């Protein structure tokens, strides 16, 4: 819930989804936030992570990765509640994973992350090693985890989510553009497009529609994308 003291004329409260306040219930074990770039997905998830006292460069409460000073206004204006109260969990953002992996390789035992340094694995392997060996119980806030994952590894990631969610002790909040991840059964999908947050069905998302249309007929897209001087390229 967004507190009334937020100033709608000031960033980040002037983002469309926040102008009129925010009051969300997340009844599912897995919730995806979808929307175009700039819709506020990452901003919202980072604020939730700050409220959970997770490191905003990636990690949980026990990670001390160096971070630059960031504006905490949104985190300070949010009020979160869980039943039961949640203290464990993790925040992961794809853009800062390299720095987090460096930190882990320096301070953690290898056994906890699959027996190999994260930097000696491919990007996708190290992502999955983190997910498989670090995730257990708590709230997991993930910003575009598909960035390093091939389609096959995205399926493996869905299996990890399923196993943890089925235990009843883990909840996932995920910002994603991936039609593969968004297809997770019984997930709640919240669209941030159009200036408000609303629940959408999987096949109603622009991610699904555009991907399906492209795969069905890529030449139709190329006809318009690669037109030259008003005439279609042959």
Foldseek 3Di string as FASTA:
>chain_A
DFAPPDDCVDPPCVQLANNVHDDDDFPALEEEEEEDPSLCQLVVLLLVQVLLCADSLKFANPDDQDDDDDDNVRNVRDDDDDVVDFNDEMEEELVNVVSVLVSCLVPHDCVQQPNDRLVVDAQLSSLVSCLVRPDAFGEYEYEASCPRPDLVSLVVVLVSSVVRVVVVGYGYYYYHLDLSNLPRPPYWYWYSPPSHTDTDDSCPDPSNVVVVVCVVPVVVVQQVVVADPPHGDD
